[in-house]
N, C-alpha and C. Protein backbone atom coordinates (compact mmCIF):
# COMPACT_ATOMS: atom_id res chain seq x y z
N MET A 1 0.90 -1.11 -0.07
CA MET A 1 -0.06 0.30 -0.08
C MET A 1 1.12 1.15 0.19
N GLU A 2 1.77 1.19 1.10
CA GLU A 2 2.76 2.45 1.18
C GLU A 2 3.57 2.54 -0.21
N ASN A 3 4.05 1.42 -0.78
CA ASN A 3 4.66 1.58 -2.19
C ASN A 3 3.85 2.17 -3.28
N ASN A 4 2.48 1.87 -3.37
CA ASN A 4 1.75 2.16 -4.30
C ASN A 4 1.50 3.68 -4.02
N GLN A 5 1.47 4.69 -3.12
CA GLN A 5 1.50 5.47 -2.80
C GLN A 5 2.85 6.51 -3.22
N GLN A 6 3.77 5.78 -3.19
CA GLN A 6 5.14 6.35 -3.34
C GLN A 6 5.34 6.86 -4.89
N GLN A 7 4.75 5.53 -5.35
CA GLN A 7 4.75 5.71 -7.05
C GLN A 7 3.92 6.45 -8.02
N GLY A 8 2.78 6.87 -6.97
CA GLY A 8 1.93 7.58 -7.33
C GLY A 8 2.29 9.03 -7.22
N ALA A 9 2.92 9.28 -6.06
CA ALA A 9 3.83 10.64 -5.89
C ALA A 9 4.57 10.85 -6.80
N GLN A 10 5.43 9.97 -7.03
CA GLN A 10 6.70 10.21 -8.40
C GLN A 10 6.20 10.28 -9.77
N ALA A 11 4.92 9.56 -9.87
CA ALA A 11 4.51 9.77 -11.43
C ALA A 11 3.90 11.24 -11.33
N GLN A 12 3.21 11.83 -10.42
CA GLN A 12 2.87 13.17 -10.32
C GLN A 12 4.18 14.16 -10.64
N SER A 13 4.95 14.01 -9.76
CA SER A 13 6.20 14.94 -9.98
C SER A 13 6.97 15.12 -10.90
N GLY A 14 7.10 13.74 -11.84
CA GLY A 14 7.75 13.53 -12.87
C GLY A 14 9.08 12.68 -12.40
N PRO A 15 9.72 12.46 -13.56
CA PRO A 15 10.85 11.56 -13.21
C PRO A 15 12.33 12.26 -12.90
N TYR A 16 11.85 13.49 -12.68
CA TYR A 16 13.14 14.04 -11.84
C TYR A 16 12.75 15.10 -10.51
N PRO A 17 13.83 15.26 -9.76
CA PRO A 17 13.54 15.65 -8.45
C PRO A 17 12.87 17.16 -8.32
N GLY A 18 12.10 17.53 -7.63
CA GLY A 18 11.40 18.86 -7.84
C GLY A 18 10.24 18.85 -8.68
N GLY A 19 9.85 18.03 -9.23
CA GLY A 19 8.86 18.40 -10.42
C GLY A 19 9.40 18.71 -11.55
N ALA A 20 10.57 18.56 -12.01
CA ALA A 20 11.32 19.01 -12.95
C ALA A 20 10.62 18.89 -14.49
N GLY A 21 9.94 17.64 -14.38
CA GLY A 21 9.27 17.37 -15.58
C GLY A 21 8.27 18.43 -16.15
N GLY A 22 7.32 18.96 -14.95
CA GLY A 22 6.68 20.06 -15.24
C GLY A 22 7.05 21.11 -15.45
N SER A 23 8.42 21.67 -14.77
CA SER A 23 8.94 22.94 -15.16
C SER A 23 9.32 23.11 -16.49
N ALA A 24 10.10 21.81 -16.90
CA ALA A 24 10.58 21.57 -18.33
C ALA A 24 9.40 22.06 -19.35
N GLY A 25 8.41 21.40 -19.30
CA GLY A 25 7.28 21.92 -20.23
C GLY A 25 7.05 23.23 -19.98
N ALA A 26 6.92 23.90 -18.81
CA ALA A 26 6.65 25.31 -18.66
C ALA A 26 7.62 25.93 -19.44
N GLY A 27 8.96 25.42 -19.34
CA GLY A 27 10.10 26.52 -19.74
C GLY A 27 9.84 26.42 -21.43
N ALA A 28 9.51 25.39 -21.99
CA ALA A 28 9.35 25.15 -23.29
C ALA A 28 8.22 25.98 -23.82
N GLY A 29 7.06 25.98 -23.06
CA GLY A 29 5.97 27.27 -23.43
C GLY A 29 6.30 28.56 -23.21
N ALA A 30 7.23 28.97 -22.34
CA ALA A 30 7.79 30.06 -22.14
C ALA A 30 8.73 30.39 -23.30
N GLY A 31 9.39 29.48 -23.82
CA GLY A 31 10.59 30.11 -24.77
C GLY A 31 9.71 30.07 -26.10
N ALA A 32 8.56 29.52 -26.42
CA ALA A 32 7.15 29.64 -27.58
C ALA A 32 6.87 31.02 -27.30
N ALA A 33 6.37 31.46 -26.12
CA ALA A 33 5.55 32.70 -25.73
C ALA A 33 6.21 34.10 -26.75
N PRO A 34 7.68 34.18 -26.87
CA PRO A 34 8.29 35.33 -27.70
C PRO A 34 7.91 35.12 -29.00
N PHE A 35 8.10 34.14 -29.57
CA PHE A 35 8.25 33.87 -30.82
C PHE A 35 6.55 33.84 -31.57
N GLN A 36 5.38 33.63 -30.80
CA GLN A 36 4.32 33.60 -31.06
C GLN A 36 3.70 35.20 -30.81
N HIS A 37 4.59 36.07 -29.96
CA HIS A 37 4.26 37.51 -30.00
C HIS A 37 4.86 37.98 -31.23
N LEU A 38 5.92 37.72 -31.55
CA LEU A 38 6.68 38.06 -32.92
C LEU A 38 5.65 38.08 -33.94
N LEU A 39 5.47 36.81 -34.09
CA LEU A 39 4.36 36.46 -35.44
C LEU A 39 3.36 37.29 -35.15
N GLN A 40 2.74 37.80 -34.03
CA GLN A 40 1.03 38.47 -33.81
C GLN A 40 1.89 39.71 -34.51
N GLN A 41 2.93 40.11 -33.91
CA GLN A 41 2.99 41.75 -34.21
C GLN A 41 3.35 42.08 -35.99
N GLN A 42 3.95 40.76 -36.46
CA GLN A 42 4.04 40.74 -37.86
C GLN A 42 2.99 41.07 -38.41
N GLN A 43 1.86 39.93 -38.37
CA GLN A 43 0.75 39.92 -38.68
C GLN A 43 0.08 41.28 -38.63
N GLN A 44 0.17 41.85 -37.62
CA GLN A 44 -0.78 43.36 -37.15
C GLN A 44 -0.10 44.35 -38.43
N GLN A 45 1.03 44.06 -38.57
CA GLN A 45 1.97 45.19 -39.24
C GLN A 45 1.32 45.03 -40.58
N LEU A 46 1.28 43.73 -41.21
CA LEU A 46 0.82 43.46 -42.39
C LEU A 46 -0.44 44.01 -42.54
N GLN A 47 -1.49 43.85 -41.55
CA GLN A 47 -2.55 44.08 -41.61
C GLN A 47 -2.81 45.80 -41.81
N MET A 48 -1.89 46.32 -41.03
CA MET A 48 -1.98 47.81 -41.26
C MET A 48 -1.54 48.26 -42.68
N PHE A 49 -0.48 47.60 -43.13
CA PHE A 49 -0.14 47.83 -44.45
C PHE A 49 -1.12 47.89 -45.68
N TRP A 50 -1.88 46.76 -45.72
CA TRP A 50 -2.90 46.62 -46.62
C TRP A 50 -4.39 47.36 -46.50
N SER A 51 -4.40 47.49 -44.65
CA SER A 51 -5.45 48.75 -44.77
C SER A 51 -4.97 50.24 -45.08
N TYR A 52 -3.77 50.36 -45.00
CA TYR A 52 -3.52 51.74 -45.73
C TYR A 52 -3.45 51.77 -47.16
N GLN A 53 -3.22 50.72 -47.89
CA GLN A 53 -3.08 50.84 -49.27
C GLN A 53 -4.42 50.89 -49.68
N ARG A 54 -5.19 50.14 -49.10
CA ARG A 54 -6.80 50.14 -49.41
C ARG A 54 -7.22 51.80 -49.42
N GLN A 55 -7.07 52.14 -48.15
CA GLN A 55 -7.45 53.57 -47.96
C GLN A 55 -6.86 54.52 -49.26
N GLU A 56 -5.80 54.48 -49.60
CA GLU A 56 -4.91 55.05 -50.37
C GLU A 56 -5.80 55.18 -51.92
N ILE A 57 -5.90 53.94 -52.41
CA ILE A 57 -6.56 53.20 -53.42
C ILE A 57 -7.96 53.91 -53.60
N GLU A 58 -8.65 54.08 -52.70
CA GLU A 58 -10.06 54.43 -52.48
C GLU A 58 -10.26 55.98 -52.66
N HIS A 59 -8.94 56.55 -52.37
CA HIS A 59 -9.00 58.05 -52.44
C HIS A 59 -8.26 58.74 -53.64
N VAL A 60 -7.53 57.91 -54.24
CA VAL A 60 -6.86 58.00 -55.25
C VAL A 60 -7.56 58.76 -56.57
N ASN A 61 -7.41 60.10 -57.03
CA ASN A 61 -7.92 60.72 -58.00
C ASN A 61 -6.80 61.21 -59.27
N ASP A 62 -5.70 60.81 -59.33
CA ASP A 62 -4.81 61.17 -60.28
C ASP A 62 -4.49 59.93 -60.78
N PHE A 63 -4.74 59.63 -62.13
CA PHE A 63 -4.38 58.18 -62.79
C PHE A 63 -3.34 58.58 -63.89
N LYS A 64 -2.79 59.59 -63.94
CA LYS A 64 -1.87 60.13 -64.93
C LYS A 64 -0.37 59.82 -64.71
N ASN A 65 0.04 60.09 -63.41
CA ASN A 65 1.26 59.98 -62.84
C ASN A 65 1.35 58.69 -61.99
N HIS A 66 2.54 58.12 -62.22
CA HIS A 66 2.66 56.52 -61.70
C HIS A 66 4.21 56.42 -61.27
N GLN A 67 4.51 55.60 -60.31
CA GLN A 67 5.79 55.32 -59.87
C GLN A 67 6.36 54.56 -60.75
N LEU A 68 6.04 53.84 -61.36
CA LEU A 68 6.57 52.80 -62.64
C LEU A 68 6.35 53.14 -64.00
N PRO A 69 7.02 52.98 -64.89
CA PRO A 69 6.97 53.97 -66.28
C PRO A 69 6.14 52.78 -67.03
N LEU A 70 4.95 53.55 -67.37
CA LEU A 70 3.92 52.54 -68.29
C LEU A 70 4.24 52.47 -69.27
N ALA A 71 5.38 52.85 -70.06
CA ALA A 71 6.01 52.61 -71.61
C ALA A 71 6.47 51.38 -71.24
N ARG A 72 7.22 51.13 -70.25
CA ARG A 72 8.06 49.76 -70.13
C ARG A 72 7.17 48.59 -69.78
N ILE A 73 5.97 48.97 -68.87
CA ILE A 73 5.36 47.88 -68.48
C ILE A 73 4.20 47.48 -69.63
N LYS A 74 4.00 48.70 -70.45
CA LYS A 74 3.20 48.19 -72.10
C LYS A 74 4.29 47.43 -73.12
N LYS A 75 5.50 47.89 -72.93
CA LYS A 75 6.22 47.02 -73.79
C LYS A 75 6.32 45.42 -73.19
N ILE A 76 6.48 44.94 -72.09
CA ILE A 76 6.66 43.78 -71.53
C ILE A 76 5.23 43.04 -71.82
N MET A 77 3.99 43.93 -71.76
CA MET A 77 2.95 43.34 -72.13
C MET A 77 2.83 42.64 -73.42
N LYS A 78 3.49 43.57 -74.22
CA LYS A 78 3.22 43.37 -75.82
C LYS A 78 4.20 42.41 -76.14
N ALA A 79 5.28 41.82 -75.25
CA ALA A 79 6.10 40.80 -75.93
C ALA A 79 5.31 39.62 -75.80
N ASP A 80 4.46 39.59 -75.30
CA ASP A 80 3.59 37.93 -75.92
C ASP A 80 2.81 38.43 -76.93
N GLU A 81 3.48 37.47 -77.92
CA GLU A 81 3.03 37.44 -79.48
C GLU A 81 1.43 37.29 -79.73
N ASP A 82 0.63 36.81 -78.57
CA ASP A 82 -0.74 36.59 -78.51
C ASP A 82 -1.56 37.92 -78.28
N VAL A 83 -0.87 38.84 -77.85
CA VAL A 83 -1.43 40.37 -77.53
C VAL A 83 -1.31 40.92 -78.41
N ARG A 84 -2.49 41.67 -79.14
CA ARG A 84 -2.74 42.56 -80.14
C ARG A 84 -2.83 43.82 -79.75
N MET A 85 -3.87 44.03 -79.01
CA MET A 85 -4.22 45.41 -78.54
C MET A 85 -4.35 45.45 -76.80
N ILE A 86 -4.03 46.48 -76.30
CA ILE A 86 -4.03 46.93 -75.03
C ILE A 86 -4.88 48.15 -74.77
N SER A 87 -5.54 47.72 -73.84
CA SER A 87 -6.58 49.17 -73.48
C SER A 87 -5.63 50.15 -72.68
N ALA A 88 -6.42 50.99 -72.55
CA ALA A 88 -5.61 52.25 -71.67
C ALA A 88 -5.43 52.12 -70.45
N GLU A 89 -6.44 51.38 -69.59
CA GLU A 89 -6.80 51.03 -68.52
C GLU A 89 -5.50 49.86 -67.75
N ALA A 90 -5.26 48.76 -68.78
CA ALA A 90 -4.47 47.78 -68.58
C ALA A 90 -3.06 48.14 -67.86
N PRO A 91 -2.19 48.86 -68.73
CA PRO A 91 -1.02 49.35 -67.77
C PRO A 91 -1.06 50.15 -66.72
N ILE A 92 -2.14 50.78 -66.47
CA ILE A 92 -2.35 51.34 -65.01
C ILE A 92 -2.69 50.57 -63.98
N LEU A 93 -3.47 49.58 -64.40
CA LEU A 93 -3.52 48.49 -63.36
C LEU A 93 -2.11 47.65 -62.86
N PHE A 94 -1.76 47.39 -64.02
CA PHE A 94 -0.61 46.46 -63.73
C PHE A 94 0.74 47.40 -63.29
N ALA A 95 0.53 48.52 -63.28
CA ALA A 95 1.58 49.53 -62.71
C ALA A 95 1.56 49.69 -61.21
N LYS A 96 0.27 49.47 -60.73
CA LYS A 96 -0.20 49.50 -59.33
C LYS A 96 -0.11 48.41 -58.84
N ALA A 97 -0.33 47.02 -59.47
CA ALA A 97 -0.25 45.66 -59.07
C ALA A 97 1.43 45.74 -58.66
N CYS A 98 2.43 46.17 -59.66
CA CYS A 98 3.57 45.97 -59.72
C CYS A 98 4.16 46.77 -58.54
N GLU A 99 3.56 47.95 -58.01
CA GLU A 99 4.03 48.72 -56.90
C GLU A 99 3.66 48.06 -55.84
N LEU A 100 2.46 47.39 -55.72
CA LEU A 100 2.10 46.86 -54.10
C LEU A 100 3.03 45.42 -54.35
N PHE A 101 3.21 44.77 -55.26
CA PHE A 101 4.07 43.62 -55.03
C PHE A 101 5.53 43.80 -54.52
N ILE A 102 6.12 44.91 -55.14
CA ILE A 102 7.68 45.40 -54.67
C ILE A 102 7.32 45.70 -53.24
N LEU A 103 6.27 46.70 -52.83
CA LEU A 103 6.16 46.94 -51.57
C LEU A 103 5.98 46.05 -50.23
N GLU A 104 5.13 45.19 -50.65
CA GLU A 104 4.80 43.60 -49.68
C GLU A 104 6.26 42.84 -49.80
N LEU A 105 6.94 42.68 -50.67
CA LEU A 105 8.01 42.14 -50.83
C LEU A 105 9.17 42.63 -49.69
N THR A 106 9.16 43.85 -50.16
CA THR A 106 10.11 44.91 -49.50
C THR A 106 9.51 44.58 -47.78
N ILE A 107 8.70 44.73 -47.24
CA ILE A 107 8.38 44.88 -46.17
C ILE A 107 8.42 43.19 -45.58
N ARG A 108 7.98 42.21 -46.54
CA ARG A 108 8.23 41.00 -45.56
C ARG A 108 9.79 40.62 -45.38
N SER A 109 10.25 41.33 -46.29
CA SER A 109 11.96 41.23 -46.30
C SER A 109 12.50 41.85 -45.08
N TRP A 110 11.91 43.08 -44.82
CA TRP A 110 12.64 43.98 -43.57
C TRP A 110 12.02 43.22 -42.35
N LEU A 111 10.69 42.44 -42.34
CA LEU A 111 10.76 41.77 -41.09
C LEU A 111 11.73 40.70 -40.83
N HIS A 112 12.10 40.08 -41.75
CA HIS A 112 13.19 39.23 -41.56
C HIS A 112 14.57 40.03 -41.01
N ALA A 113 14.92 41.17 -41.52
CA ALA A 113 16.09 41.93 -41.21
C ALA A 113 15.52 42.17 -39.68
N ASP A 114 14.41 42.52 -39.51
CA ASP A 114 14.29 43.08 -38.02
C ASP A 114 14.33 41.70 -36.93
N GLU A 115 13.74 40.75 -37.40
CA GLU A 115 14.17 39.44 -36.58
C GLU A 115 15.64 39.30 -36.15
N ASN A 116 16.50 39.62 -37.34
CA ASN A 116 17.62 39.46 -37.03
C ASN A 116 18.63 40.75 -36.29
N LYS A 117 17.86 41.84 -35.96
CA LYS A 117 18.70 42.79 -35.62
C LYS A 117 19.22 43.74 -36.26
N ARG A 118 18.70 43.85 -37.70
CA ARG A 118 19.43 44.76 -38.57
C ARG A 118 18.64 45.59 -39.04
N ARG A 119 19.38 46.72 -39.46
CA ARG A 119 18.72 47.78 -40.19
C ARG A 119 19.13 47.88 -41.42
N THR A 120 19.71 47.03 -42.06
CA THR A 120 20.24 47.00 -43.61
C THR A 120 19.67 45.61 -44.23
N LEU A 121 18.96 45.97 -45.21
CA LEU A 121 18.14 44.85 -46.21
C LEU A 121 19.29 44.25 -46.88
N GLN A 122 19.33 43.15 -46.55
CA GLN A 122 20.23 42.17 -47.37
C GLN A 122 19.56 41.03 -48.23
N LYS A 123 20.21 40.65 -49.25
CA LYS A 123 19.34 39.58 -50.27
C LYS A 123 18.96 38.41 -49.59
N ASN A 124 19.60 37.96 -48.25
CA ASN A 124 18.97 36.74 -47.74
C ASN A 124 17.53 37.18 -47.02
N ASP A 125 17.57 38.48 -46.98
CA ASP A 125 16.07 38.88 -46.37
C ASP A 125 14.91 38.56 -47.36
N ILE A 126 15.49 39.14 -48.60
CA ILE A 126 14.34 38.65 -49.60
C ILE A 126 14.39 37.49 -49.95
N ALA A 127 15.61 36.46 -49.77
CA ALA A 127 15.18 35.13 -50.12
C ALA A 127 14.30 34.58 -49.01
N ALA A 128 14.44 34.87 -47.66
CA ALA A 128 13.53 34.62 -46.63
C ALA A 128 12.20 34.85 -46.71
N ALA A 129 11.94 36.00 -47.39
CA ALA A 129 10.46 36.60 -47.58
C ALA A 129 9.98 35.66 -48.46
N ILE A 130 10.55 35.43 -49.56
CA ILE A 130 10.14 34.43 -50.65
C ILE A 130 9.70 32.86 -50.27
N THR A 131 10.80 32.26 -49.37
CA THR A 131 10.96 31.29 -48.92
C THR A 131 9.58 30.83 -47.80
N ARG A 132 9.07 32.20 -47.18
CA ARG A 132 8.00 32.18 -46.01
C ARG A 132 6.64 32.35 -46.66
N THR A 133 6.82 32.81 -47.75
CA THR A 133 5.27 33.19 -48.41
C THR A 133 4.82 32.41 -49.58
N ASP A 134 3.75 31.72 -49.62
CA ASP A 134 3.76 30.63 -50.65
C ASP A 134 3.16 31.19 -51.87
N ILE A 135 2.52 32.70 -51.75
CA ILE A 135 2.45 33.24 -52.95
C ILE A 135 3.60 33.65 -54.05
N PHE A 136 4.55 33.76 -53.13
CA PHE A 136 5.82 34.15 -54.00
C PHE A 136 6.55 32.96 -54.31
N ASP A 137 6.13 32.06 -54.54
CA ASP A 137 6.92 30.44 -54.74
C ASP A 137 7.73 30.47 -56.37
N PHE A 138 6.91 31.48 -56.93
CA PHE A 138 7.30 31.47 -58.26
C PHE A 138 8.44 32.24 -58.69
N LEU A 139 9.01 33.02 -57.44
CA LEU A 139 10.42 33.47 -57.45
C LEU A 139 11.32 32.77 -57.30
N VAL A 140 11.28 31.38 -56.47
CA VAL A 140 12.26 30.47 -56.06
C VAL A 140 13.14 30.21 -57.04
N ASP A 141 12.89 30.14 -58.09
CA ASP A 141 13.79 29.95 -59.49
C ASP A 141 14.87 31.15 -59.56
N ILE A 142 14.26 32.30 -59.01
CA ILE A 142 15.23 33.17 -59.49
C ILE A 142 16.23 33.81 -58.50
N VAL A 143 15.94 33.42 -56.97
CA VAL A 143 16.42 33.75 -55.85
C VAL A 143 17.75 32.57 -55.95
N PRO A 144 18.97 32.98 -55.64
CA PRO A 144 20.17 31.97 -55.76
C PRO A 144 19.76 30.85 -54.81
N ARG A 145 20.17 29.59 -55.14
CA ARG A 145 19.71 28.34 -54.47
C ARG A 145 20.48 28.29 -52.93
N ASP A 146 21.70 29.31 -53.06
CA ASP A 146 22.50 29.08 -51.86
C ASP A 146 21.63 29.78 -50.43
N GLU A 147 21.11 31.20 -51.21
CA GLU A 147 20.35 31.74 -50.30
C GLU A 147 19.27 31.07 -49.56
N ILE A 148 18.38 30.42 -50.67
CA ILE A 148 17.42 29.86 -50.12
C ILE A 148 17.55 28.63 -49.10
N LYS A 149 18.60 27.79 -49.48
CA LYS A 149 19.15 26.83 -48.56
C LYS A 149 19.38 27.15 -47.24
N ASP A 150 20.13 28.37 -47.05
CA ASP A 150 20.97 28.95 -46.01
C ASP A 150 19.53 29.48 -45.01
N ASP A 151 18.65 30.04 -45.70
CA ASP A 151 17.17 30.58 -44.99
C ASP A 151 16.70 29.48 -44.52
N ALA A 152 16.21 28.59 -45.19
CA ALA A 152 15.52 27.30 -45.01
C ALA A 152 15.94 26.61 -43.84
N ALA A 153 17.21 26.42 -43.27
CA ALA A 153 17.73 25.94 -42.28
C ALA A 153 17.45 26.76 -40.97
N LEU A 154 17.31 28.52 -41.32
CA LEU A 154 16.58 29.09 -40.32
C LEU A 154 15.59 29.25 -39.81
N VAL A 155 14.56 29.09 -40.98
CA VAL A 155 13.27 29.59 -40.69
C VAL A 155 12.44 28.10 -40.21
N GLY A 156 12.85 26.93 -41.25
CA GLY A 156 12.24 25.74 -41.04
C GLY A 156 10.68 25.84 -40.66
N ALA A 157 10.39 25.74 -39.11
CA ALA A 157 9.11 25.55 -38.99
C ALA A 157 8.05 27.16 -39.17
N THR A 158 8.74 28.15 -39.35
CA THR A 158 8.53 29.29 -39.38
C THR A 158 8.13 29.97 -40.78
N ALA A 159 8.00 28.87 -41.75
CA ALA A 159 7.82 29.06 -43.10
C ALA A 159 6.59 29.87 -43.47
N SER A 160 5.46 29.14 -42.46
CA SER A 160 4.23 29.51 -42.73
C SER A 160 3.82 30.59 -41.42
N GLY A 161 4.63 30.99 -41.14
CA GLY A 161 4.53 31.70 -39.57
C GLY A 161 3.43 32.94 -40.01
N VAL A 162 3.98 33.73 -41.03
CA VAL A 162 3.39 35.15 -41.26
C VAL A 162 2.34 34.94 -42.32
N PRO A 163 1.00 34.72 -42.23
CA PRO A 163 0.03 34.50 -43.51
C PRO A 163 0.01 35.63 -44.11
N TYR A 164 -0.26 35.23 -45.85
CA TYR A 164 -0.80 36.09 -46.82
C TYR A 164 -1.85 36.61 -46.43
N TYR A 165 -1.74 38.37 -45.90
CA TYR A 165 -2.83 38.75 -45.48
C TYR A 165 -3.79 39.77 -46.40
N TYR A 166 -4.98 39.67 -46.52
CA TYR A 166 -5.85 40.80 -47.01
C TYR A 166 -6.62 41.43 -46.18
N PRO A 167 -6.95 42.62 -45.96
CA PRO A 167 -7.75 43.02 -45.24
C PRO A 167 -9.29 42.68 -45.17
N PRO A 168 -10.52 42.15 -44.58
CA PRO A 168 -11.67 41.92 -45.04
C PRO A 168 -12.24 43.03 -45.73
N ILE A 169 -13.11 43.02 -46.99
CA ILE A 169 -13.75 44.32 -47.39
C ILE A 169 -14.55 44.89 -46.74
N GLY A 170 -14.45 46.19 -46.48
CA GLY A 170 -15.36 46.88 -45.96
C GLY A 170 -15.23 47.37 -44.59
N GLN A 171 -13.62 46.74 -43.96
CA GLN A 171 -13.34 46.75 -42.56
C GLN A 171 -12.35 47.97 -42.65
N PRO A 172 -12.85 49.00 -41.67
CA PRO A 172 -12.22 50.28 -41.64
C PRO A 172 -10.73 50.17 -41.61
N ALA A 173 -10.11 51.31 -42.33
CA ALA A 173 -8.56 50.97 -42.18
C ALA A 173 -8.00 51.18 -40.79
N GLY A 174 -8.51 52.29 -40.02
CA GLY A 174 -8.10 52.45 -38.39
C GLY A 174 -6.77 52.56 -38.58
N MET A 175 -6.25 53.44 -39.45
CA MET A 175 -4.75 53.87 -39.37
C MET A 175 -4.25 54.84 -40.06
N MET A 176 -3.50 55.62 -39.36
CA MET A 176 -2.45 56.94 -40.36
C MET A 176 -1.46 56.63 -40.07
N ILE A 177 -0.73 57.36 -40.75
CA ILE A 177 0.71 57.10 -40.85
C ILE A 177 1.31 57.79 -39.61
N GLY A 178 2.15 57.21 -38.62
CA GLY A 178 2.72 57.81 -37.91
C GLY A 178 1.67 57.72 -36.19
N ARG A 179 0.81 57.20 -36.37
CA ARG A 179 -0.36 56.92 -35.40
C ARG A 179 -0.59 55.77 -35.34
N PRO A 180 -1.12 55.41 -34.08
CA PRO A 180 -1.51 54.23 -33.57
C PRO A 180 -2.78 53.65 -34.16
N ALA A 181 -2.86 52.58 -34.55
CA ALA A 181 -4.37 51.87 -35.17
C ALA A 181 -5.09 51.03 -34.15
N VAL A 182 -6.50 50.98 -34.16
CA VAL A 182 -7.08 50.42 -33.55
C VAL A 182 -7.64 48.99 -34.00
N ASP A 183 -7.19 48.06 -33.40
CA ASP A 183 -7.91 46.48 -34.09
C ASP A 183 -9.08 46.60 -33.76
N PRO A 184 -10.09 46.31 -35.00
CA PRO A 184 -11.79 46.67 -34.93
C PRO A 184 -11.92 45.17 -33.76
N ALA A 185 -11.32 44.19 -34.11
CA ALA A 185 -11.85 43.05 -33.57
C ALA A 185 -11.67 43.09 -31.77
N THR A 186 -10.50 43.77 -31.37
CA THR A 186 -10.23 43.76 -29.97
C THR A 186 -10.14 44.98 -29.56
N GLY A 187 -10.41 46.01 -30.25
CA GLY A 187 -10.32 47.46 -29.78
C GLY A 187 -8.94 47.90 -29.03
N VAL A 188 -7.94 47.02 -29.13
CA VAL A 188 -6.93 47.39 -28.56
C VAL A 188 -5.78 48.18 -29.68
N TYR A 189 -5.12 49.14 -29.25
CA TYR A 189 -4.36 49.91 -30.01
C TYR A 189 -3.11 49.07 -30.33
N VAL A 190 -2.56 49.26 -31.35
CA VAL A 190 -1.47 48.58 -32.11
C VAL A 190 -0.69 49.59 -32.08
N GLN A 191 0.57 49.14 -31.96
CA GLN A 191 2.00 50.07 -32.16
C GLN A 191 1.78 50.42 -33.87
N PRO A 192 2.33 51.65 -34.02
CA PRO A 192 2.43 52.04 -35.73
C PRO A 192 3.63 51.25 -36.20
N PRO A 193 3.65 51.10 -37.20
CA PRO A 193 4.96 50.50 -38.02
C PRO A 193 6.31 51.50 -37.69
N SER A 194 7.25 50.67 -38.14
CA SER A 194 8.74 51.37 -37.67
C SER A 194 8.74 52.52 -38.82
N GLN A 195 9.91 53.31 -38.50
CA GLN A 195 9.99 54.40 -39.50
C GLN A 195 10.29 54.19 -40.87
N ALA A 196 11.18 52.72 -40.91
CA ALA A 196 11.58 52.49 -42.16
C ALA A 196 10.36 52.06 -43.01
N TRP A 197 9.39 51.30 -42.43
CA TRP A 197 8.03 50.99 -43.10
C TRP A 197 7.73 52.30 -43.42
N GLN A 198 7.43 53.19 -42.59
CA GLN A 198 6.56 54.37 -42.89
C GLN A 198 7.40 55.00 -44.19
N SER A 199 8.76 54.91 -44.41
CA SER A 199 9.21 55.64 -45.52
C SER A 199 8.73 54.95 -46.74
N VAL A 200 8.80 53.66 -46.76
CA VAL A 200 8.61 52.91 -47.63
C VAL A 200 7.03 53.29 -48.38
N TRP A 201 6.27 53.47 -47.42
CA TRP A 201 4.76 53.53 -47.72
C TRP A 201 4.20 54.89 -48.19
N GLN A 202 5.17 56.19 -47.73
CA GLN A 202 5.14 57.28 -47.83
C GLN A 202 5.77 57.66 -49.16
N SER A 203 6.54 56.65 -49.55
CA SER A 203 7.48 56.82 -50.84
C SER A 203 6.32 57.40 -52.25
N ALA A 204 5.14 56.80 -52.12
CA ALA A 204 4.29 56.94 -53.40
C ALA A 204 4.14 58.41 -53.67
N ALA A 205 3.86 58.87 -52.44
CA ALA A 205 3.46 60.31 -52.38
C ALA A 205 4.75 61.28 -52.70
N GLU A 206 5.90 60.87 -52.19
CA GLU A 206 6.85 61.97 -52.18
C GLU A 206 7.85 61.96 -53.71
N ASP A 207 8.10 60.25 -54.09
CA ASP A 207 9.08 60.30 -55.25
C ASP A 207 8.37 61.05 -56.23
N THR A 208 9.38 61.57 -57.01
CA THR A 208 9.05 62.32 -58.46
C THR A 208 8.56 61.30 -59.49
N PRO A 209 7.30 61.46 -60.09
CA PRO A 209 6.69 60.76 -60.94
C PRO A 209 7.55 60.77 -62.37
N TYR A 210 7.31 59.89 -62.78
CA TYR A 210 7.95 59.63 -64.28
C TYR A 210 7.53 60.76 -65.25
N GLY A 211 8.21 61.23 -66.37
CA GLY A 211 7.71 62.38 -67.10
C GLY A 211 6.41 62.18 -68.12
N THR A 212 6.62 62.68 -69.28
CA THR A 212 5.29 62.62 -69.64
C THR A 212 5.08 61.36 -70.53
N GLY A 213 6.08 60.44 -70.50
CA GLY A 213 6.12 59.38 -71.44
C GLY A 213 5.28 58.29 -70.39
N ALA A 214 5.00 58.53 -69.17
CA ALA A 214 4.50 57.62 -68.28
C ALA A 214 2.91 58.40 -67.99
N GLN A 215 2.33 59.18 -68.96
CA GLN A 215 1.32 59.67 -69.06
C GLN A 215 0.24 59.01 -69.66
N GLY A 216 -1.11 58.84 -69.39
CA GLY A 216 -2.25 58.53 -70.27
C GLY A 216 -3.38 59.02 -70.11
N ASN A 217 -4.58 58.64 -70.72
CA ASN A 217 -5.97 59.17 -71.12
C ASN A 217 -6.65 57.91 -70.71
N LEU A 218 -7.21 58.28 -69.63
CA LEU A 218 -8.38 56.79 -69.62
C LEU A 218 -9.63 57.50 -70.11
N ASP A 219 -9.91 58.77 -70.46
CA ASP A 219 -11.05 59.05 -71.43
C ASP A 219 -11.33 58.48 -72.92
N GLY A 220 -9.90 58.53 -73.33
CA GLY A 220 -9.64 57.97 -74.59
C GLY A 220 -9.62 56.44 -74.59
N GLN A 221 -9.27 56.10 -75.89
CA GLN A 221 -9.07 54.83 -76.36
C GLN A 221 -7.37 54.37 -76.39
N SER A 222 -6.69 55.53 -76.45
CA SER A 222 -5.11 55.30 -76.60
C SER A 222 -4.57 55.92 -75.64
N MET A 223 -3.20 55.34 -75.47
CA MET A 223 -2.47 56.12 -74.32
C MET A 223 -1.03 56.75 -75.13
N GLU A 224 -0.34 57.73 -74.66
CA GLU A 224 0.50 58.55 -75.22
C GLU A 224 1.95 58.05 -74.62
N PHE A 225 2.79 57.41 -75.33
CA PHE A 225 3.99 56.74 -74.91
C PHE A 225 5.14 57.43 -75.84
């Protein structure tokens, strides 16, 4: 009887003295907590990015000046032999899509640099962003293999840690540059993104647009290139 009670007490306390088994599990959970917090912060920052972009698109009224040269975009589109005619709106939409693609890839790359306590964006950061994001897998053949291999050893289970995020349609943006945002679901204030991110977001409004070669006319049937 006494032996059974001792064995039961040993099973509850774990195989190590002082209940080390339980404390080891708690230690593992505590170690995972900072990583989960980091992933949550990254998801919130991506959410704010897309909310800001949606707000900007809804209020845009200048369709003639763009960050990317429409003539170059149209030339790439016409490289396909099956393309005969291109409407005036198509290169403009492509230009905005390319701009958003560059912005998000830059931000996801910056997240990797920030994880490694760096303030300089490196090519392995871009490789990490591509490796972690399923929608960027078409770029795997472009990024050097050694960069992807080195980063895969580091990210491992974190490859799907930051999901590809689009804010729900109709959800308020809740954000202005340089000010905290309110999460509509929780009502909690979210820290604004870093100054490096803000400079990326604001570049669309501050950069000098391309010259007359990038201007178009949405009212007509042709564009001036």
